[in-house]
């Protein structure tokens, strides 16, 4: 969603996007909408296996069920699901099953996939 689109339709929901490159240089883009995050009881699972995950990254360094992104009253957080190649937020490597709050602009690494979290929140009028 562009800023112009958000201004034209104020009913658009808040969203976030993870963008970056996989280990081979291919572009990766995952969109996380407010409604979908809210309805997902434990959050959205990201991984390589489509039947096990809500969002898929087809990269051999990403585990079948790699991490989970969820929303709570403090914002978004990411949690490593005991992945083989690990999850990092900036320079901090996450411990398995210990959630860490993430904010727009922060870099996430899933295996060798480098992503940046962007807010697609419609601007205030």
PDB file of N, CA and C in Angstrom:
ATOM      1  N   UNK A   1       0.853  -1.169   0.000  1.00  0.00           N
ATOM      2  CA  UNK A   1       0.000   0.000   0.000  1.00  0.00           C
ATOM      3  C   UNK A   1       0.897   1.229   0.000  1.00  0.00           C
ATOM      4  N   UNK A   2       0.619   2.135  -0.873  1.00  0.00           N
ATOM      5  CA  UNK A   2       1.376   3.376  -0.912  1.00  0.00           C
ATOM      6  C   UNK A   2       0.720   4.389   0.015  1.00  0.00           C
ATOM      7  N   UNK A   3       1.452   5.437   0.337  1.00  0.00           N
ATOM      8  CA  UNK A   3       0.904   6.497   1.182  1.00  0.00           C
ATOM      9  C   UNK A   3      -0.286   7.142   0.493  1.00  0.00           C
ATOM     10  N   UNK A   4      -0.196   7.325  -0.837  1.00  0.00           N
ATOM     11  CA  UNK A   4      -1.308   7.915  -1.593  1.00  0.00           C
ATOM     12  C   UNK A   4      -2.551   7.037  -1.510  1.00  0.00           C
ATOM     13  N   UNK A   5      -2.378   5.714  -1.613  1.00  0.00           N
ATOM     14  CA  UNK A   5      -3.517   4.799  -1.518  1.00  0.00           C
ATOM     15  C   UNK A   5      -4.142   4.857  -0.131  1.00  0.00           C
ATOM     16  N   UNK A   6      -3.328   4.986   0.887  1.00  0.00           N
ATOM     17  CA  UNK A   6      -3.847   5.067   2.255  1.00  0.00           C
ATOM     18  C   UNK A   6      -4.661   6.340   2.452  1.00  0.00           C
ATOM     19  N   UNK A   7      -4.222   7.434   1.853  1.00  0.00           N
ATOM     20  CA  UNK A   7      -4.965   8.694   1.979  1.00  0.00           C
ATOM     21  C   UNK A   7      -6.300   8.631   1.245  1.00  0.00           C
ATOM     22  N   UNK A   8      -6.310   7.955   0.091  1.00  0.00           N
ATOM     23  CA  UNK A   8      -7.538   7.847  -0.699  1.00  0.00           C
ATOM     24  C   UNK A   8      -8.572   6.947  -0.022  1.00  0.00           C
ATOM     25  N   UNK A   9      -8.132   5.971   0.741  1.00  0.00           N
ATOM     26  CA  UNK A   9      -9.042   5.041   1.394  1.00  0.00           C
ATOM     27  C   UNK A   9      -8.679   4.920   2.872  1.00  0.00           C
ATOM     28  N   UNK A  10      -9.251   5.779   3.726  1.00  0.00           N
ATOM     29  CA  UNK A  10      -8.879   5.766   5.135  1.00  0.00           C
ATOM     30  C   UNK A  10      -9.314   4.497   5.875  1.00  0.00           C
ATOM     31  N   UNK A  11     -10.128   3.656   5.245  1.00  0.00           N
ATOM     32  CA  UNK A  11     -10.566   2.427   5.895  1.00  0.00           C
ATOM     33  C   UNK A  11      -9.565   1.282   5.732  1.00  0.00           C
ATOM     34  N   UNK A  12      -8.482   1.515   4.992  1.00  0.00           N
ATOM     35  CA  UNK A  12      -7.481   0.474   4.835  1.00  0.00           C
ATOM     36  C   UNK A  12      -6.862   0.163   6.191  1.00  0.00           C
ATOM     37  N   UNK A  13      -6.606  -1.118   6.427  1.00  0.00           N
ATOM     38  CA  UNK A  13      -6.064  -1.515   7.714  1.00  0.00           C
ATOM     39  C   UNK A  13      -4.574  -1.271   7.803  1.00  0.00           C
ATOM     40  N   UNK A  14      -4.104  -1.267   9.026  1.00  0.00           N
ATOM     41  CA  UNK A  14      -2.681  -1.157   9.283  1.00  0.00           C
ATOM     42  C   UNK A  14      -2.013  -2.453   8.817  1.00  0.00           C
ATOM     43  N   UNK A  15      -0.808  -2.340   8.307  1.00  0.00           N
ATOM     44  CA  UNK A  15      -0.094  -3.523   7.833  1.00  0.00           C
ATOM     45  C   UNK A  15       1.406  -3.305   7.944  1.00  0.00           C
ATOM     46  N   UNK A  16       2.133  -4.400   7.830  1.00  0.00           N
ATOM     47  CA  UNK A  16       3.583  -4.371   7.831  1.00  0.00           C
ATOM     48  C   UNK A  16       4.067  -5.234   6.676  1.00  0.00           C
ATOM     49  N   UNK A  17       5.268  -4.945   6.209  1.00  0.00           N
ATOM     50  CA  UNK A  17       5.849  -5.739   5.125  1.00  0.00           C
ATOM     51  C   UNK A  17       7.280  -6.083   5.483  1.00  0.00           C
ATOM     52  N   UNK A  18       7.641  -7.335   5.234  1.00  0.00           N
ATOM     53  CA  UNK A  18       9.022  -7.788   5.351  1.00  0.00           C
ATOM     54  C   UNK A  18       9.557  -7.899   3.933  1.00  0.00           C
ATOM     55  N   UNK A  19      10.599  -7.149   3.623  1.00  0.00           N
ATOM     56  CA  UNK A  19      11.179  -7.196   2.280  1.00  0.00           C
ATOM     57  C   UNK A  19      12.679  -7.415   2.377  1.00  0.00           C
ATOM     58  N   UNK A  20      13.218  -8.073   1.370  1.00  0.00           N
ATOM     59  CA  UNK A  20      14.652  -8.299   1.326  1.00  0.00           C
ATOM     60  C   UNK A  20      15.015  -9.294   0.261  1.00  0.00           C
ATOM     61  N   UNK A  21      16.086 -10.042   0.523  1.00  0.00           N
ATOM     62  CA  UNK A  21      16.622 -11.006  -0.438  1.00  0.00           C
ATOM     63  C   UNK A  21      16.869 -12.339   0.241  1.00  0.00           C
ATOM     64  N   UNK A  22      16.669 -13.433  -0.521  1.00  0.00           N
ATOM     65  CA  UNK A  22      16.990 -14.752   0.025  1.00  0.00           C
ATOM     66  C   UNK A  22      18.468 -15.047  -0.199  1.00  0.00           C
ATOM     67  N   UNK A  23      18.893 -16.263   0.112  1.00  0.00           N
ATOM     68  CA  UNK A  23      20.324 -16.599   0.034  1.00  0.00           C
ATOM     69  C   UNK A  23      20.866 -16.630  -1.390  1.00  0.00           C
ATOM     70  N   UNK A  24      19.974 -16.663  -2.400  1.00  0.00           N
ATOM     71  CA  UNK A  24      20.429 -16.655  -3.793  1.00  0.00           C
ATOM     72  C   UNK A  24      20.278 -15.285  -4.443  1.00  0.00           C
ATOM     73  N   UNK A  25      19.771 -14.309  -3.691  1.00  0.00           N
ATOM     74  CA  UNK A  25      19.597 -12.965  -4.221  1.00  0.00           C
ATOM     75  C   UNK A  25      18.214 -12.653  -4.745  1.00  0.00           C
ATOM     76  N   UNK A  26      17.293 -13.630  -4.702  1.00  0.00           N
ATOM     77  CA  UNK A  26      15.923 -13.386  -5.152  1.00  0.00           C
ATOM     78  C   UNK A  26      15.189 -12.490  -4.170  1.00  0.00           C
ATOM     79  N   UNK A  27      14.311 -11.659  -4.700  1.00  0.00           N
ATOM     80  CA  UNK A  27      13.527 -10.755  -3.857  1.00  0.00           C
ATOM     81  C   UNK A  27      12.509 -11.544  -3.033  1.00  0.00           C
ATOM     82  N   UNK A  28      12.328 -11.106  -1.784  1.00  0.00           N
ATOM     83  CA  UNK A  28      11.338 -11.695  -0.882  1.00  0.00           C
ATOM     84  C   UNK A  28      10.478 -10.552  -0.353  1.00  0.00           C
ATOM     85  N   UNK A  29       9.163 -10.740  -0.357  1.00  0.00           N
ATOM     86  CA  UNK A  29       8.240  -9.744   0.176  1.00  0.00           C
ATOM     87  C   UNK A  29       7.063 -10.460   0.833  1.00  0.00           C
ATOM     88  N   UNK A  30       6.890 -10.229   2.134  1.00  0.00           N
ATOM     89  CA  UNK A  30       5.789 -10.823   2.896  1.00  0.00           C
ATOM     90  C   UNK A  30       4.984  -9.698   3.517  1.00  0.00           C
ATOM     91  N   UNK A  31       3.661  -9.723   3.374  1.00  0.00           N
ATOM     92  CA  UNK A  31       2.797  -8.691   3.934  1.00  0.00           C
ATOM     93  C   UNK A  31       2.007  -9.265   5.096  1.00  0.00           C
ATOM     94  N   UNK A  32       1.992  -8.513   6.196  1.00  0.00           N
ATOM     95  CA  UNK A  32       1.303  -8.916   7.419  1.00  0.00           C
ATOM     96  C   UNK A  32       0.225  -7.886   7.711  1.00  0.00           C
ATOM     97  N   UNK A  33      -1.028  -8.232   7.483  1.00  0.00           N
ATOM     98  CA  UNK A  33      -2.135  -7.319   7.735  1.00  0.00           C
ATOM     99  C   UNK A  33      -2.616  -7.404   9.172  1.00  0.00           C
ATOM    100  N   UNK A  34      -3.122  -6.298   9.683  1.00  0.00           N
ATOM    101  CA  UNK A  34      -3.626  -6.225  11.059  1.00  0.00           C
ATOM    102  C   UNK A  34      -4.701  -7.279  11.323  1.00  0.00           C
ATOM    103  N   UNK A  35      -5.654  -7.423  10.419  1.00  0.00           N
ATOM    104  CA  UNK A  35      -6.739  -8.386  10.612  1.00  0.00           C
ATOM    105  C   UNK A  35      -6.200  -9.804  10.688  1.00  0.00           C
ATOM    106  N   UNK A  36      -5.339 -10.155   9.781  1.00  0.00           N
ATOM    107  CA  UNK A  36      -4.783 -11.513   9.766  1.00  0.00           C
ATOM    108  C   UNK A  36      -3.955 -11.791  11.019  1.00  0.00           C
ATOM    109  N   UNK A  37      -3.163 -10.809  11.455  1.00  0.00           N
ATOM    110  CA  UNK A  37      -2.378 -10.981  12.673  1.00  0.00           C
ATOM    111  C   UNK A  37      -3.270 -11.120  13.901  1.00  0.00           C
ATOM    112  N   UNK A  38      -4.334 -10.345  13.949  1.00  0.00           N
ATOM    113  CA  UNK A  38      -5.240 -10.380  15.093  1.00  0.00           C
ATOM    114  C   UNK A  38      -5.992 -11.701  15.165  1.00  0.00           C
ATOM    115  N   UNK A  39      -6.389 -12.229  14.018  1.00  0.00           N
ATOM    116  CA  UNK A  39      -7.137 -13.488  13.985  1.00  0.00           C
ATOM    117  C   UNK A  39      -6.264 -14.712  14.253  1.00  0.00           C
ATOM    118  N   UNK A  40      -4.974 -14.588  13.998  1.00  0.00           N
ATOM    119  CA  UNK A  40      -4.058 -15.706  14.233  1.00  0.00           C
ATOM    120  C   UNK A  40      -3.738 -15.755  15.723  1.00  0.00           C
ATOM    121  N   UNK A  41      -4.301 -16.711  16.421  1.00  0.00           N
ATOM    122  CA  UNK A  41      -4.209 -16.797  17.874  1.00  0.00           C
ATOM    123  C   UNK A  41      -2.770 -16.678  18.380  1.00  0.00           C
ATOM    124  N   UNK A  42      -1.859 -17.443  17.813  1.00  0.00           N
ATOM    125  CA  UNK A  42      -0.465 -17.413  18.251  1.00  0.00           C
ATOM    126  C   UNK A  42       0.435 -16.607  17.318  1.00  0.00           C
ATOM    127  N   UNK A  43      -0.122 -16.037  16.277  1.00  0.00           N
ATOM    128  CA  UNK A  43       0.675 -15.286  15.316  1.00  0.00           C
ATOM    129  C   UNK A  43       0.789 -16.032  13.997  1.00  0.00           C
ATOM    130  N   UNK A  44       1.518 -15.438  13.076  1.00  0.00           N
ATOM    131  CA  UNK A  44       1.717 -16.021  11.749  1.00  0.00           C
ATOM    132  C   UNK A  44       3.068 -16.722  11.702  1.00  0.00           C
ATOM    133  N   UNK A  45       3.049 -17.960  11.254  1.00  0.00           N
ATOM    134  CA  UNK A  45       4.271 -18.748  11.169  1.00  0.00           C
ATOM    135  C   UNK A  45       4.913 -18.543   9.801  1.00  0.00           C
ATOM    136  N   UNK A  46       6.225 -18.340   9.819  1.00  0.00           N
ATOM    137  CA  UNK A  46       7.007 -18.172   8.591  1.00  0.00           C
ATOM    138  C   UNK A  46       7.961 -19.350   8.480  1.00  0.00           C
ATOM    139  N   UNK A  47       8.041 -19.930   7.289  1.00  0.00           N
ATOM    140  CA  UNK A  47       8.958 -21.035   7.067  1.00  0.00           C
ATOM    141  C   UNK A  47       8.949 -21.488   5.629  1.00  0.00           C
ATOM    142  N   UNK A  48       9.609 -22.595   5.379  1.00  0.00           N
ATOM    143  CA  UNK A  48       9.771 -23.109   4.025  1.00  0.00           C
ATOM    144  C   UNK A  48       8.636 -24.029   3.594  1.00  0.00           C
ATOM    145  N   UNK A  49       7.889 -24.608   4.534  1.00  0.00           N
ATOM    146  CA  UNK A  49       6.878 -25.621   4.223  1.00  0.00           C
ATOM    147  C   UNK A  49       5.487 -24.991   4.188  1.00  0.00           C
ATOM    148  N   UNK A  50       4.873 -24.982   3.004  1.00  0.00           N
ATOM    149  CA  UNK A  50       3.579 -24.308   2.812  1.00  0.00           C
ATOM    150  C   UNK A  50       2.457 -24.903   3.654  1.00  0.00           C
ATOM    151  N   UNK A  51       2.466 -26.208   3.889  1.00  0.00           N
ATOM    152  CA  UNK A  51       1.397 -26.829   4.669  1.00  0.00           C
ATOM    153  C   UNK A  51       1.525 -26.540   6.162  1.00  0.00           C
ATOM    154  N   UNK A  52       2.702 -26.134   6.607  1.00  0.00           N
ATOM    155  CA  UNK A  52       2.942 -25.887   8.030  1.00  0.00           C
ATOM    156  C   UNK A  52       2.985 -24.406   8.392  1.00  0.00           C
ATOM    157  N   UNK A  53       3.016 -23.533   7.385  1.00  0.00           N
ATOM    158  CA  UNK A  53       3.243 -22.108   7.646  1.00  0.00           C
ATOM    159  C   UNK A  53       2.200 -21.222   6.978  1.00  0.00           C
ATOM    160  N   UNK A  54       2.012 -20.048   7.566  1.00  0.00           N
ATOM    161  CA  UNK A  54       1.115 -19.048   6.994  1.00  0.00           C
ATOM    162  C   UNK A  54       1.802 -18.270   5.875  1.00  0.00           C
ATOM    163  N   UNK A  55       3.098 -18.022   6.032  1.00  0.00           N
ATOM    164  CA  UNK A  55       3.893 -17.281   5.049  1.00  0.00           C
ATOM    165  C   UNK A  55       5.109 -18.118   4.692  1.00  0.00           C
ATOM    166  N   UNK A  56       5.384 -18.241   3.392  1.00  0.00           N
ATOM    167  CA  UNK A  56       6.428 -19.155   2.919  1.00  0.00           C
ATOM    168  C   UNK A  56       7.590 -18.395   2.292  1.00  0.00           C
ATOM    169  N   UNK A  57       8.796 -18.821   2.677  1.00  0.00           N
ATOM    170  CA  UNK A  57      10.027 -18.367   2.035  1.00  0.00           C
ATOM    171  C   UNK A  57      10.717 -19.618   1.516  1.00  0.00           C
ATOM    172  N   UNK A  58      10.802 -19.738   0.201  1.00  0.00           N
ATOM    173  CA  UNK A  58      11.391 -20.917  -0.428  1.00  0.00           C
ATOM    174  C   UNK A  58      12.906 -20.751  -0.501  1.00  0.00           C
ATOM    175  N   UNK A  59      13.562 -21.054   0.616  1.00  0.00           N
ATOM    176  CA  UNK A  59      15.015 -20.928   0.697  1.00  0.00           C
ATOM    177  C   UNK A  59      15.527 -22.073   1.569  1.00  0.00           C
ATOM    178  N   UNK A  60      16.582 -22.763   1.133  1.00  0.00           N
ATOM    179  CA  UNK A  60      17.068 -23.918   1.893  1.00  0.00           C
ATOM    180  C   UNK A  60      17.622 -23.580   3.275  1.00  0.00           C
ATOM    181  N   UNK A  61      17.951 -22.321   3.547  1.00  0.00           N
ATOM    182  CA  UNK A  61      18.466 -21.952   4.868  1.00  0.00           C
ATOM    183  C   UNK A  61      17.352 -21.625   5.863  1.00  0.00           C
ATOM    184  N   UNK A  62      16.100 -21.599   5.379  1.00  0.00           N
ATOM    185  CA  UNK A  62      14.935 -21.356   6.231  1.00  0.00           C
ATOM    186  C   UNK A  62      14.343 -22.712   6.607  1.00  0.00           C
ATOM    187  N   UNK A  63      14.074 -22.895   7.893  1.00  0.00           N
ATOM    188  CA  UNK A  63      13.490 -24.158   8.366  1.00  0.00           C
ATOM    189  C   UNK A  63      12.052 -24.308   7.893  1.00  0.00           C
ATOM    190  N   UNK A  64      11.546 -25.532   7.955  1.00  0.00           N
ATOM    191  CA  UNK A  64      10.157 -25.772   7.560  1.00  0.00           C
ATOM    192  C   UNK A  64       9.207 -24.900   8.367  1.00  0.00           C
ATOM    193  N   UNK A  65       9.407 -24.786   9.663  1.00  0.00           N
ATOM    194  CA  UNK A  65       8.692 -23.846  10.551  1.00  0.00           C
ATOM    195  C   UNK A  65       9.783 -23.041  11.237  1.00  0.00           C
ATOM    196  N   UNK A  66      10.088 -21.868  10.733  1.00  0.00           N
ATOM    197  CA  UNK A  66      11.268 -21.132  11.177  1.00  0.00           C
ATOM    198  C   UNK A  66      10.990 -20.189  12.350  1.00  0.00           C
ATOM    199  N   UNK A  67      10.011 -19.297  12.177  1.00  0.00           N
ATOM    200  CA  UNK A  67       9.718 -18.323  13.224  1.00  0.00           C
ATOM    201  C   UNK A  67       8.254 -17.931  13.180  1.00  0.00           C
ATOM    202  N   UNK A  68       7.855 -17.167  14.179  1.00  0.00           N
ATOM    203  CA  UNK A  68       6.478 -16.688  14.257  1.00  0.00           C
ATOM    204  C   UNK A  68       6.517 -15.185  14.508  1.00  0.00           C
ATOM    205  N   UNK A  69       5.622 -14.475  13.837  1.00  0.00           N
ATOM    206  CA  UNK A  69       5.450 -13.042  14.082  1.00  0.00           C
ATOM    207  C   UNK A  69       4.031 -12.851  14.597  1.00  0.00           C
ATOM    208  N   UNK A  70       3.928 -12.117  15.687  1.00  0.00           N
ATOM    209  CA  UNK A  70       2.616 -11.895  16.300  1.00  0.00           C
ATOM    210  C   UNK A  70       2.520 -10.455  16.779  1.00  0.00           C
ATOM    211  N   UNK A  71       1.306 -10.093  17.165  1.00  0.00           N
ATOM    212  CA  UNK A  71       1.039  -8.737  17.637  1.00  0.00           C
ATOM    213  C   UNK A  71       0.444  -8.823  19.026  1.00  0.00           C
ATOM    214  N   UNK A  72       0.868  -7.915  19.890  1.00  0.00           N
ATOM    215  CA  UNK A  72       0.241  -7.766  21.199  1.00  0.00           C
ATOM    216  C   UNK A  72       0.085  -6.276  21.472  1.00  0.00           C
ATOM    217  N   UNK A  73      -0.251  -5.912  22.686  1.00  0.00           N
ATOM    218  CA  UNK A  73      -0.502  -4.501  22.991  1.00  0.00           C
ATOM    219  C   UNK A  73       0.739  -3.623  22.831  1.00  0.00           C
ATOM    220  N   UNK A  74       1.922  -4.216  22.883  1.00  0.00           N
ATOM    221  CA  UNK A  74       3.166  -3.453  22.728  1.00  0.00           C
ATOM    222  C   UNK A  74       3.624  -3.342  21.280  1.00  0.00           C
ATOM    223  N   UNK A  75       2.985  -4.051  20.365  1.00  0.00           N
ATOM    224  CA  UNK A  75       3.377  -4.012  18.958  1.00  0.00           C
ATOM    225  C   UNK A  75       3.654  -5.405  18.426  1.00  0.00           C
ATOM    226  N   UNK A  76       4.586  -5.480  17.489  1.00  0.00           N
ATOM    227  CA  UNK A  76       4.940  -6.763  16.876  1.00  0.00           C
ATOM    228  C   UNK A  76       6.100  -7.413  17.616  1.00  0.00           C
ATOM    229  N   UNK A  77       6.091  -8.730  17.626  1.00  0.00           N
ATOM    230  CA  UNK A  77       7.253  -9.443  18.133  1.00  0.00           C
ATOM    231  C   UNK A  77       7.515 -10.659  17.267  1.00  0.00           C
ATOM    232  N   UNK A  78       8.758 -11.103  17.286  1.00  0.00           N
ATOM    233  CA  UNK A  78       9.182 -12.273  16.521  1.00  0.00           C
ATOM    234  C   UNK A  78       9.706 -13.306  17.506  1.00  0.00           C
ATOM    235  N   UNK A  79       9.477 -14.583  17.173  1.00  0.00           N
ATOM    236  CA  UNK A  79       9.882 -15.682  18.037  1.00  0.00           C
ATOM    237  C   UNK A  79      10.462 -16.796  17.169  1.00  0.00           C
ATOM    238  N   UNK A  80      11.683 -17.204  17.448  1.00  0.00           N
ATOM    239  CA  UNK A  80      12.291 -18.310  16.720  1.00  0.00           C
ATOM    240  C   UNK A  80      11.638 -19.610  17.180  1.00  0.00           C
ATOM    241  N   UNK A  81      11.343 -20.499  16.252  1.00  0.00           N
ATOM    242  CA  UNK A  81      10.677 -21.769  16.567  1.00  0.00           C
ATOM    243  C   UNK A  81      11.672 -22.928  16.564  1.00  0.00           C
ATOM    244  N   UNK A  82      12.838 -22.689  17.161  1.00  0.00           N
ATOM    245  CA  UNK A  82      13.902 -23.686  17.252  1.00  0.00           C
ATOM    246  C   UNK A  82      14.413 -24.065  15.862  1.00  0.00           C
ATOM    247  N   UNK A  83      14.590 -23.049  15.034  1.00  0.00           N
ATOM    248  CA  UNK A  83      15.051 -23.265  13.661  1.00  0.00           C
ATOM    249  C   UNK A  83      16.507 -23.723  13.641  1.00  0.00           C
ATOM    250  N   UNK A  84      16.872 -24.412  12.594  1.00  0.00           N
ATOM    251  CA  UNK A  84      18.234 -24.931  12.459  1.00  0.00           C
ATOM    252  C   UNK A  84      19.251 -23.805  12.269  1.00  0.00           C
ATOM    253  N   UNK A  85      18.961 -22.841  11.404  1.00  0.00           N
ATOM    254  CA  UNK A  85      19.914 -21.776  11.079  1.00  0.00           C
ATOM    255  C   UNK A  85      19.669 -20.472  11.824  1.00  0.00           C
ATOM    256  N   UNK A  86      18.708 -20.451  12.727  1.00  0.00           N
ATOM    257  CA  UNK A  86      18.508 -19.319  13.613  1.00  0.00           C
ATOM    258  C   UNK A  86      17.783 -18.132  13.017  1.00  0.00           C
ATOM    259  N   UNK A  87      17.341 -17.260  13.935  1.00  0.00           N
ATOM    260  CA  UNK A  87      16.670 -16.016  13.608  1.00  0.00           C
ATOM    261  C   UNK A  87      17.387 -14.914  14.359  1.00  0.00           C
ATOM    262  N   UNK A  88      17.622 -13.792  13.706  1.00  0.00           N
ATOM    263  CA  UNK A  88      18.279 -12.660  14.357  1.00  0.00           C
ATOM    264  C   UNK A  88      17.509 -11.388  14.071  1.00  0.00           C
ATOM    265  N   UNK A  89      17.549 -10.495  15.028  1.00  0.00           N
ATOM    266  CA  UNK A  89      16.972  -9.160  14.885  1.00  0.00           C
ATOM    267  C   UNK A  89      18.117  -8.191  15.092  1.00  0.00           C
ATOM    268  N   UNK A  90      18.538  -7.543  14.006  1.00  0.00           N
ATOM    269  CA  UNK A  90      19.745  -6.720  14.084  1.00  0.00           C
ATOM    270  C   UNK A  90      20.927  -7.627  14.391  1.00  0.00           C
ATOM    271  N   UNK A  91      21.708  -7.276  15.412  1.00  0.00           N
ATOM    272  CA  UNK A  91      22.862  -8.080  15.801  1.00  0.00           C
ATOM    273  C   UNK A  91      22.514  -9.134  16.842  1.00  0.00           C
ATOM    274  N   UNK A  92      21.280  -9.142  17.326  1.00  0.00           N
ATOM    275  CA  UNK A  92      20.868 -10.050  18.390  1.00  0.00           C
ATOM    276  C   UNK A  92      20.264 -11.337  17.830  1.00  0.00           C
ATOM    277  N   UNK A  93      20.889 -12.474  18.156  1.00  0.00           N
ATOM    278  CA  UNK A  93      20.351 -13.772  17.770  1.00  0.00           C
ATOM    279  C   UNK A  93      19.298 -14.174  18.790  1.00  0.00           C
ATOM    280  N   UNK A  94      18.139 -14.557  18.300  1.00  0.00           N
ATOM    281  CA  UNK A  94      17.047 -14.935  19.190  1.00  0.00           C
ATOM    282  C   UNK A  94      17.257 -16.333  19.749  1.00  0.00           C
ATOM    283  N   UNK A  95      16.879 -16.506  21.004  1.00  0.00           N
ATOM    284  CA  UNK A  95      16.837 -17.832  21.596  1.00  0.00           C
ATOM    285  C   UNK A  95      15.494 -18.450  21.219  1.00  0.00           C
ATOM    286  N   UNK A  96      15.479 -19.748  21.046  1.00  0.00           N
ATOM    287  CA  UNK A  96      14.243 -20.431  20.659  1.00  0.00           C
ATOM    288  C   UNK A  96      13.141 -20.189  21.680  1.00  0.00           C
ATOM    289  N   UNK A  97      11.974 -19.857  21.176  1.00  0.00           N
ATOM    290  CA  UNK A  97      10.750 -19.667  21.960  1.00  0.00           C
ATOM    291  C   UNK A  97      10.812 -18.505  22.953  1.00  0.00           C
ATOM    292  N   UNK A  98      11.719 -17.548  22.732  1.00  0.00           N
ATOM    293  CA  UNK A  98      11.784 -16.336  23.554  1.00  0.00           C
ATOM    294  C   UNK A  98      11.498 -15.136  22.656  1.00  0.00           C
ATOM    295  N   UNK A  99      10.257 -14.627  22.678  1.00  0.00           N
ATOM    296  CA  UNK A  99       9.860 -13.544  21.777  1.00  0.00           C
ATOM    297  C   UNK A  99      10.644 -12.263  22.021  1.00  0.00           C
ATOM    298  N   UNK A 100      10.828 -11.514  20.941  1.00  0.00           N
ATOM    299  CA  UNK A 100      11.523 -10.237  20.988  1.00  0.00           C
ATOM    300  C   UNK A 100      10.700  -9.214  20.208  1.00  0.00           C
ATOM    301  N   UNK A 101      10.470  -8.060  20.799  1.00  0.00           N
ATOM    302  CA  UNK A 101       9.724  -6.995  20.131  1.00  0.00           C
ATOM    303  C   UNK A 101      10.534  -6.460  18.961  1.00  0.00           C
ATOM    304  N   UNK A 102       9.862  -6.234  17.831  1.00  0.00           N
ATOM    305  CA  UNK A 102      10.500  -5.666  16.648  1.00  0.00           C
ATOM    306  C   UNK A 102       9.736  -4.420  16.220  1.00  0.00           C
ATOM    307  N   UNK A 103      10.455  -3.510  15.611  1.00  0.00           N
ATOM    308  CA  UNK A 103       9.866  -2.243  15.179  1.00  0.00           C
ATOM    309  C   UNK A 103      10.201  -2.002  13.710  1.00  0.00           C
ATOM    310  N   UNK A 104       9.382  -1.185  13.033  1.00  0.00           N
ATOM    311  CA  UNK A 104       9.680  -0.851  11.641  1.00  0.00           C
ATOM    312  C   UNK A 104      11.103  -0.304  11.505  1.00  0.00           C
ATOM    313  N   UNK A 105      11.741  -0.738  10.431  1.00  0.00           N
ATOM    314  CA  UNK A 105      13.114  -0.330  10.164  1.00  0.00           C
ATOM    315  C   UNK A 105      14.147  -1.336  10.639  1.00  0.00           C
ATOM    316  N   UNK A 106      13.745  -2.258  11.507  1.00  0.00           N
ATOM    317  CA  UNK A 106      14.681  -3.250  12.004  1.00  0.00           C
ATOM    318  C   UNK A 106      14.914  -4.345  10.978  1.00  0.00           C
ATOM    319  N   UNK A 107      16.117  -4.875  10.988  1.00  0.00           N
ATOM    320  CA  UNK A 107      16.496  -5.963  10.088  1.00  0.00           C
ATOM    321  C   UNK A 107      16.264  -7.295  10.789  1.00  0.00           C
ATOM    322  N   UNK A 108      15.727  -8.249  10.056  1.00  0.00           N
ATOM    323  CA  UNK A 108      15.549  -9.616  10.534  1.00  0.00           C
ATOM    324  C   UNK A 108      16.321 -10.539   9.606  1.00  0.00           C
ATOM    325  N   UNK A 109      16.930 -11.564  10.201  1.00  0.00           N
ATOM    326  CA  UNK A 109      17.618 -12.571   9.403  1.00  0.00           C
ATOM    327  C   UNK A 109      17.060 -13.929   9.775  1.00  0.00           C
ATOM    328  N   UNK A 110      16.542 -14.636   8.782  1.00  0.00           N
ATOM    329  CA  UNK A 110      16.022 -15.999   8.943  1.00  0.00           C
ATOM    330  C   UNK A 110      16.946 -16.895   8.147  1.00  0.00           C
ATOM    331  N   UNK A 111      17.783 -17.660   8.813  1.00  0.00           N
ATOM    332  CA  UNK A 111      18.818 -18.402   8.102  1.00  0.00           C
ATOM    333  C   UNK A 111      19.724 -17.404   7.425  1.00  0.00           C
ATOM    334  N   UNK A 112      19.799 -17.468   6.084  1.00  0.00           N
ATOM    335  CA  UNK A 112      20.588 -16.492   5.323  1.00  0.00           C
ATOM    336  C   UNK A 112      19.701 -15.491   4.579  1.00  0.00           C
ATOM    337  N   UNK A 113      18.424 -15.451   4.915  1.00  0.00           N
ATOM    338  CA  UNK A 113      17.487 -14.516   4.292  1.00  0.00           C
ATOM    339  C   UNK A 113      17.471 -13.230   5.100  1.00  0.00           C
ATOM    340  N   UNK A 114      17.827 -12.137   4.448  1.00  0.00           N
ATOM    341  CA  UNK A 114      17.880 -10.823   5.093  1.00  0.00           C
ATOM    342  C   UNK A 114      16.613 -10.042   4.755  1.00  0.00           C
ATOM    343  N   UNK A 115      15.884  -9.601   5.787  1.00  0.00           N
ATOM    344  CA  UNK A 115      14.632  -8.872   5.602  1.00  0.00           C
ATOM    345  C   UNK A 115      14.624  -7.604   6.444  1.00  0.00           C
ATOM    346  N   UNK A 116      13.842  -6.634   6.016  1.00  0.00           N
ATOM    347  CA  UNK A 116      13.638  -5.409   6.787  1.00  0.00           C
ATOM    348  C   UNK A 116      12.148  -5.231   7.001  1.00  0.00           C
ATOM    349  N   UNK A 117      11.767  -4.895   8.229  1.00  0.00           N
ATOM    350  CA  UNK A 117      10.365  -4.672   8.565  1.00  0.00           C
ATOM    351  C   UNK A 117       9.987  -3.234   8.245  1.00  0.00           C
ATOM    352  N   UNK A 118       8.917  -3.073   7.482  1.00  0.00           N
ATOM    353  CA  UNK A 118       8.406  -1.752   7.119  1.00  0.00           C
ATOM    354  C   UNK A 118       6.966  -1.632   7.597  1.00  0.00           C
ATOM    355  N   UNK A 119       6.603  -0.455   8.075  1.00  0.00           N
ATOM    356  CA  UNK A 119       5.228  -0.195   8.463  1.00  0.00           C
ATOM    357  C   UNK A 119       4.478   0.345   7.255  1.00  0.00           C
ATOM    358  N   UNK A 120       3.288  -0.172   7.027  1.00  0.00           N
ATOM    359  CA  UNK A 120       2.428   0.325   5.949  1.00  0.00           C
ATOM    360  C   UNK A 120       1.203   1.007   6.549  1.00  0.00           C
ATOM    361  N   UNK A 121       1.359   1.494   7.749  1.00  0.00           N
ATOM    362  CA  UNK A 121       0.267   2.145   8.451  1.00  0.00           C
ATOM    363  C   UNK A 121      -0.166   3.405   7.710  1.00  0.00           C
ATOM    364  N   UNK A 122      -1.466   3.560   7.502  1.00  0.00           N
ATOM    365  CA  UNK A 122      -1.938   4.784   6.865  1.00  0.00           C
ATOM    366  C   UNK A 122      -1.563   5.983   7.729  1.00  0.00           C
ATOM    367  N   UNK A 123      -1.115   7.083   7.117  1.00  0.00           N
ATOM    368  CA  UNK A 123      -0.728   8.256   7.891  1.00  0.00           C
ATOM    369  C   UNK A 123      -1.936   8.898   8.553  1.00  0.00           C
ATOM    370  N   UNK A 124      -1.697   9.558   9.683  1.00  0.00           N
ATOM    371  CA  UNK A 124      -2.770  10.283  10.357  1.00  0.00           C
ATOM    372  C   UNK A 124      -3.179  11.478   9.503  1.00  0.00           C
ATOM    373  N   UNK A 125      -4.497  11.777   9.477  1.00  0.00           N
ATOM    374  CA  UNK A 125      -4.963  12.918   8.663  1.00  0.00           C
ATOM    375  C   UNK A 125      -4.506  14.240   9.241  1.00  0.00           C
TER     376      UNK A 125
END
